[in-house]
Amino acid sequence: MQLETNRLKIVSFQAELFMPLYQLFCENETVMKSAFKGRMLSKKEFLDVLSNNFILNDEDQIGFVCVLDKTTENFIGFTGLIPCNFLGNEDDLEFGFVLHQDYWGKGFATEIGKFWIDFAENELQLDRILAAASPDNHASINAIKKLGLTEVKEIPTKDRGSRLVFSKEF
């Protein structure tokens, strides 16, 4: 998978992205405390996520992908569409984003969210798209609301702690 926004490349996992991903997941407490599982991952957990959840080819559309700066090719973080059952529908997909803190506050989360909303509606022809965030992650919540998603409810999750669930109907 290789897709683009105005400023970003969204690409399937490539070997040269292993270390930046590893550093984000396993060494970056600042980012990971408010994202994903709410903590840094062990190497084994990271390898499990990489092999089970990342898109490793150009055909798949569901899973995590890497985000690169289109101009510099620098690694920014990861994003993706993943299946979720937050609202009782097994066909629902959640979009999310985890960005290195050097790229916070620059509008990248909103740009990524707009991309996934358009992709879900026009490419996948879904009826709705969901997003979820930790109740403490105000920056993500603000980005999600700016994208026009409506808060539906707060739910407990097994691996990610409490999450606010947002929905946008098409």
C-alpha atoms as a PDB file:
ATOM      1  CA  MET A   1       0.000   0.000   0.000  1.00  0.00           C
ATOM      2  CA  GLN A   2       1.329   3.424  -0.914  1.00  0.00           C
ATOM      3  CA  LEU A   3      -1.039   6.351  -0.665  1.00  0.00           C
ATOM      4  CA  GLU A   4      -0.525  10.070  -0.258  1.00  0.00           C
ATOM      5  CA  THR A   5      -1.991  13.194   1.279  1.00  0.00           C
ATOM      6  CA  ASN A   6      -0.764  16.733   0.621  1.00  0.00           C
ATOM      7  CA  ARG A   7       2.242  16.348   2.916  1.00  0.00           C
ATOM      8  CA  LEU A   8       2.428  12.639   3.739  1.00  0.00           C
ATOM      9  CA  LYS A   9       3.136   9.228   2.264  1.00  0.00           C
ATOM     10  CA  ILE A  10       1.217   6.325   3.773  1.00  0.00           C
ATOM     11  CA  VAL A  11       3.146   3.125   3.056  1.00  0.00           C
ATOM     12  CA  SER A  12       3.077  -0.534   3.996  1.00  0.00           C
ATOM     13  CA  PHE A  13       5.851  -1.743   6.298  1.00  0.00           C
ATOM     14  CA  GLN A  14       9.308  -1.822   4.739  1.00  0.00           C
ATOM     15  CA  ALA A  15      12.472  -3.234   6.315  1.00  0.00           C
ATOM     16  CA  GLU A  16      14.124   0.193   6.586  1.00  0.00           C
ATOM     17  CA  LEU A  17      11.258   1.310   8.850  1.00  0.00           C
ATOM     18  CA  PHE A  18      11.911  -1.408  11.449  1.00  0.00           C
ATOM     19  CA  MET A  19      14.162   0.697  13.706  1.00  0.00           C
ATOM     20  CA  PRO A  20      12.064   3.884  13.678  1.00  0.00           C
ATOM     21  CA  LEU A  21       8.973   1.785  14.482  1.00  0.00           C
ATOM     22  CA  TYR A  22      10.822  -0.154  17.177  1.00  0.00           C
ATOM     23  CA  GLN A  23      12.049   3.082  18.752  1.00  0.00           C
ATOM     24  CA  LEU A  24       8.540   4.553  18.737  1.00  0.00           C
ATOM     25  CA  PHE A  25       6.865   1.456  20.225  1.00  0.00           C
ATOM     26  CA  CYS A  26       9.578   0.321  22.633  1.00  0.00           C
ATOM     27  CA  GLU A  27      11.665   3.375  23.583  1.00  0.00           C
ATOM     28  CA  ASN A  28       9.398   6.431  23.349  1.00  0.00           C
ATOM     29  CA  GLU A  29       7.553   6.740  26.647  1.00  0.00           C
ATOM     30  CA  THR A  30       6.296  10.255  25.809  1.00  0.00           C
ATOM     31  CA  VAL A  31       4.321   9.027  22.807  1.00  0.00           C
ATOM     32  CA  MET A  32       3.289   5.589  23.969  1.00  0.00           C
ATOM     33  CA  LYS A  33       1.914   6.610  27.381  1.00  0.00           C
ATOM     34  CA  SER A  34      -1.065   8.239  25.649  1.00  0.00           C
ATOM     35  CA  ALA A  35      -1.425   5.893  22.680  1.00  0.00           C
ATOM     36  CA  PHE A  36      -1.959   2.288  21.725  1.00  0.00           C
ATOM     37  CA  LYS A  37      -1.687   0.250  24.959  1.00  0.00           C
ATOM     38  CA  GLY A  38      -0.804   3.257  27.126  1.00  0.00           C
ATOM     39  CA  ARG A  39       2.785   2.135  27.634  1.00  0.00           C
ATOM     40  CA  MET A  40       5.924   1.172  25.785  1.00  0.00           C
ATOM     41  CA  LEU A  41       5.915  -2.348  24.390  1.00  0.00           C
ATOM     42  CA  SER A  42       8.418  -5.116  25.005  1.00  0.00           C
ATOM     43  CA  LYS A  43      10.394  -6.320  21.999  1.00  0.00           C
ATOM     44  CA  LYS A  44       8.234  -9.462  21.833  1.00  0.00           C
ATOM     45  CA  GLU A  45       5.010  -7.421  21.944  1.00  0.00           C
ATOM     46  CA  PHE A  46       6.358  -5.132  19.221  1.00  0.00           C
ATOM     47  CA  LEU A  47       7.285  -8.079  16.986  1.00  0.00           C
ATOM     48  CA  ASP A  48       3.798  -9.543  17.523  1.00  0.00           C
ATOM     49  CA  VAL A  49       2.156  -6.235  16.526  1.00  0.00           C
ATOM     50  CA  LEU A  50       4.446  -5.914  13.526  1.00  0.00           C
ATOM     51  CA  SER A  51       3.719  -9.420  12.221  1.00  0.00           C
ATOM     52  CA  ASN A  52      -0.007  -9.510  13.079  1.00  0.00           C
ATOM     53  CA  ASN A  53      -1.231  -5.951  12.575  1.00  0.00           C
ATOM     54  CA  PHE A  54       0.975  -4.163  10.026  1.00  0.00           C
ATOM     55  CA  ILE A  55       0.289  -4.308   6.314  1.00  0.00           C
ATOM     56  CA  LEU A  56       3.261  -6.068   4.737  1.00  0.00           C
ATOM     57  CA  ASN A  57       2.220  -5.884   1.074  1.00  0.00           C
ATOM     58  CA  ASP A  58       0.621  -3.514  -1.412  1.00  0.00           C
ATOM     59  CA  GLU A  59      -2.726  -5.336  -1.695  1.00  0.00           C
ATOM     60  CA  ASP A  60      -4.126  -5.239   1.845  1.00  0.00           C
ATOM     61  CA  GLN A  61      -6.104  -2.230   3.037  1.00  0.00           C
ATOM     62  CA  ILE A  62      -6.849  -3.117   6.660  1.00  0.00           C
ATOM     63  CA  GLY A  63      -4.057  -2.860   9.204  1.00  0.00           C
ATOM     64  CA  PHE A  64      -1.330  -0.497  10.314  1.00  0.00           C
ATOM     65  CA  VAL A  65       0.845   1.408   7.869  1.00  0.00           C
ATOM     66  CA  CYS A  66       3.740   3.811   8.255  1.00  0.00           C
ATOM     67  CA  VAL A  67       3.566   7.560   7.763  1.00  0.00           C
ATOM     68  CA  LEU A  68       6.438   9.412   6.097  1.00  0.00           C
ATOM     69  CA  ASP A  69       6.991  13.082   5.388  1.00  0.00           C
ATOM     70  CA  LYS A  70       6.531  13.377   1.619  1.00  0.00           C
ATOM     71  CA  THR A  71       9.350  15.908   1.234  1.00  0.00           C
ATOM     72  CA  THR A  72      12.040  14.470   3.520  1.00  0.00           C
ATOM     73  CA  GLU A  73      10.946  10.778   3.635  1.00  0.00           C
ATOM     74  CA  ASN A  74      11.364  11.013   7.436  1.00  0.00           C
ATOM     75  CA  PHE A  75       9.354   8.555   9.546  1.00  0.00           C
ATOM     76  CA  ILE A  76       6.529  10.389  11.342  1.00  0.00           C
ATOM     77  CA  GLY A  77       4.584   7.526  12.919  1.00  0.00           C
ATOM     78  CA  PHE A  78       1.966   4.943  12.067  1.00  0.00           C
ATOM     79  CA  THR A  79      -1.716   4.914  11.260  1.00  0.00           C
ATOM     80  CA  GLY A  80      -4.291   2.556   9.859  1.00  0.00           C
ATOM     81  CA  LEU A  81      -7.739   1.076   9.738  1.00  0.00           C
ATOM     82  CA  ILE A  82      -8.380  -1.817  12.072  1.00  0.00           C
ATOM     83  CA  PRO A  83     -11.487  -3.919  12.743  1.00  0.00           C
ATOM     84  CA  CYS A  84     -13.291  -3.077  15.975  1.00  0.00           C
ATOM     85  CA  ASN A  85     -16.488  -4.061  17.728  1.00  0.00           C
ATOM     86  CA  PHE A  86     -16.855  -1.015  20.007  1.00  0.00           C
ATOM     87  CA  LEU A  87     -20.495  -0.459  19.066  1.00  0.00           C
ATOM     88  CA  GLY A  88     -21.565  -4.064  18.561  1.00  0.00           C
ATOM     89  CA  ASN A  89     -20.944  -4.247  14.804  1.00  0.00           C
ATOM     90  CA  GLU A  90     -18.153  -6.585  13.707  1.00  0.00           C
ATOM     91  CA  ASP A  91     -17.941  -4.815  10.330  1.00  0.00           C
ATOM     92  CA  ASP A  92     -16.870  -1.502  11.893  1.00  0.00           C
ATOM     93  CA  LEU A  93     -13.412  -0.108  11.253  1.00  0.00           C
ATOM     94  CA  GLU A  94     -11.500   2.266  13.498  1.00  0.00           C
ATOM     95  CA  PHE A  95      -8.902   4.676  12.188  1.00  0.00           C
ATOM     96  CA  GLY A  96      -6.086   5.822  14.393  1.00  0.00           C
ATOM     97  CA  PHE A  97      -2.719   7.510  14.367  1.00  0.00           C
ATOM     98  CA  VAL A  98       0.357   7.505  16.566  1.00  0.00           C
ATOM     99  CA  LEU A  99       2.835  10.228  15.717  1.00  0.00           C
ATOM    100  CA  HIS A 100       6.326  10.942  17.016  1.00  0.00           C
ATOM    101  CA  GLN A 101       6.174  13.966  19.316  1.00  0.00           C
ATOM    102  CA  ASP A 102       8.372  15.993  16.928  1.00  0.00           C
ATOM    103  CA  TYR A 103       5.339  16.061  14.608  1.00  0.00           C
ATOM    104  CA  TRP A 104       2.653  16.971  17.143  1.00  0.00           C
ATOM    105  CA  GLY A 105       0.738  20.207  16.680  1.00  0.00           C
ATOM    106  CA  LYS A 106       1.434  20.495  12.951  1.00  0.00           C
ATOM    107  CA  GLY A 107      -1.946  19.311  11.630  1.00  0.00           C
ATOM    108  CA  PHE A 108      -0.728  15.850  10.606  1.00  0.00           C
ATOM    109  CA  ALA A 109      -3.329  13.995  12.713  1.00  0.00           C
ATOM    110  CA  THR A 110      -6.135  15.944  11.046  1.00  0.00           C
ATOM    111  CA  GLU A 111      -4.628  15.347   7.601  1.00  0.00           C
ATOM    112  CA  ILE A 112      -4.383  11.608   8.310  1.00  0.00           C
ATOM    113  CA  GLY A 113      -7.932  11.507   9.679  1.00  0.00           C
ATOM    114  CA  LYS A 114      -9.343  13.284   6.603  1.00  0.00           C
ATOM    115  CA  PHE A 115      -7.537  10.746   4.443  1.00  0.00           C
ATOM    116  CA  TRP A 116      -9.080   7.754   6.301  1.00  0.00           C
ATOM    117  CA  ILE A 117     -12.567   9.265   6.372  1.00  0.00           C
ATOM    118  CA  ASP A 118     -12.443   9.794   2.607  1.00  0.00           C
ATOM    119  CA  PHE A 119     -10.938   6.325   2.052  1.00  0.00           C
ATOM    120  CA  ALA A 120     -13.582   4.611   4.205  1.00  0.00           C
ATOM    121  CA  GLU A 121     -16.458   6.416   2.508  1.00  0.00           C
ATOM    122  CA  ASN A 122     -15.305   6.421  -1.119  1.00  0.00           C
ATOM    123  CA  GLU A 123     -12.946   3.445  -1.499  1.00  0.00           C
ATOM    124  CA  LEU A 124     -14.385   0.976   1.015  1.00  0.00           C
ATOM    125  CA  GLN A 125     -17.947   2.375   0.827  1.00  0.00           C
ATOM    126  CA  LEU A 126     -18.546   1.962   4.545  1.00  0.00           C
ATOM    127  CA  ASP A 127     -21.627   3.305   6.331  1.00  0.00           C
ATOM    128  CA  ARG A 128     -19.526   4.808   9.123  1.00  0.00           C
ATOM    129  CA  ILE A 129     -16.019   5.113  10.499  1.00  0.00           C
ATOM    130  CA  LEU A 130     -14.993   5.018  14.155  1.00  0.00           C
ATOM    131  CA  ALA A 131     -12.100   6.447  16.127  1.00  0.00           C
ATOM    132  CA  ALA A 132     -11.122   5.907  19.759  1.00  0.00           C
ATOM    133  CA  ALA A 133      -8.874   7.791  22.140  1.00  0.00           C
ATOM    134  CA  SER A 134      -7.830   7.680  25.749  1.00  0.00           C
ATOM    135  CA  PRO A 135      -9.964  10.123  27.764  1.00  0.00           C
ATOM    136  CA  ASP A 136      -6.675  11.763  28.831  1.00  0.00           C
ATOM    137  CA  ASN A 137      -5.390  12.284  25.274  1.00  0.00           C
ATOM    138  CA  HIS A 138      -6.878  15.732  24.677  1.00  0.00           C
ATOM    139  CA  ALA A 139      -4.870  16.402  21.509  1.00  0.00           C
ATOM    140  CA  SER A 140      -6.231  13.275  19.796  1.00  0.00           C
ATOM    141  CA  ILE A 141      -9.753  13.988  21.015  1.00  0.00           C
ATOM    142  CA  ASN A 142      -9.557  17.524  19.609  1.00  0.00           C
ATOM    143  CA  ALA A 143      -8.270  16.210  16.249  1.00  0.00           C
ATOM    144  CA  ILE A 144     -11.046  13.604  16.091  1.00  0.00           C
ATOM    145  CA  LYS A 145     -13.729  16.191  16.897  1.00  0.00           C
ATOM    146  CA  LYS A 146     -12.251  18.614  14.344  1.00  0.00           C
ATOM    147  CA  LEU A 147     -12.798  15.857  11.760  1.00  0.00           C
ATOM    148  CA  GLY A 148     -16.526  15.880  12.485  1.00  0.00           C
ATOM    149  CA  LEU A 149     -16.772  12.683  14.519  1.00  0.00           C
ATOM    150  CA  THR A 150     -19.247  12.597  17.389  1.00  0.00           C
ATOM    151  CA  GLU A 151     -18.491  11.074  20.779  1.00  0.00           C
ATOM    152  CA  VAL A 152     -20.707   8.026  21.280  1.00  0.00           C
ATOM    153  CA  LYS A 153     -19.609   6.504  24.581  1.00  0.00           C
ATOM    154  CA  GLU A 154     -16.716   5.534  26.827  1.00  0.00           C
ATOM    155  CA  ILE A 155     -15.814   1.853  26.924  1.00  0.00           C
ATOM    156  CA  PRO A 156     -13.296  -0.326  28.753  1.00  0.00           C
ATOM    157  CA  THR A 157     -10.938  -2.297  26.498  1.00  0.00           C
ATOM    158  CA  LYS A 158      -8.863  -5.315  27.418  1.00  0.00           C
ATOM    159  CA  ASP A 159      -5.531  -4.117  26.053  1.00  0.00           C
ATOM    160  CA  ARG A 160      -5.926  -0.355  25.727  1.00  0.00           C
ATOM    161  CA  GLY A 161      -7.676   0.783  28.896  1.00  0.00           C
ATOM    162  CA  SER A 162     -10.642   3.123  28.831  1.00  0.00           C
ATOM    163  CA  ARG A 163     -11.431   4.645  25.420  1.00  0.00           C
ATOM    164  CA  LEU A 164     -13.793   7.310  24.188  1.00  0.00           C
ATOM    165  CA  VAL A 165     -15.439   6.064  20.988  1.00  0.00           C
ATOM    166  CA  PHE A 166     -16.309   8.508  18.213  1.00  0.00           C
ATOM    167  CA  SER A 167     -18.358   7.877  15.078  1.00  0.00           C
ATOM    168  CA  LYS A 168     -18.943   9.519  11.722  1.00  0.00           C
ATOM    169  CA  GLU A 169     -21.846   8.291   9.608  1.00  0.00           C
ATOM    170  CA  PHE A 170     -21.728   8.512   5.802  1.00  0.00           C
END
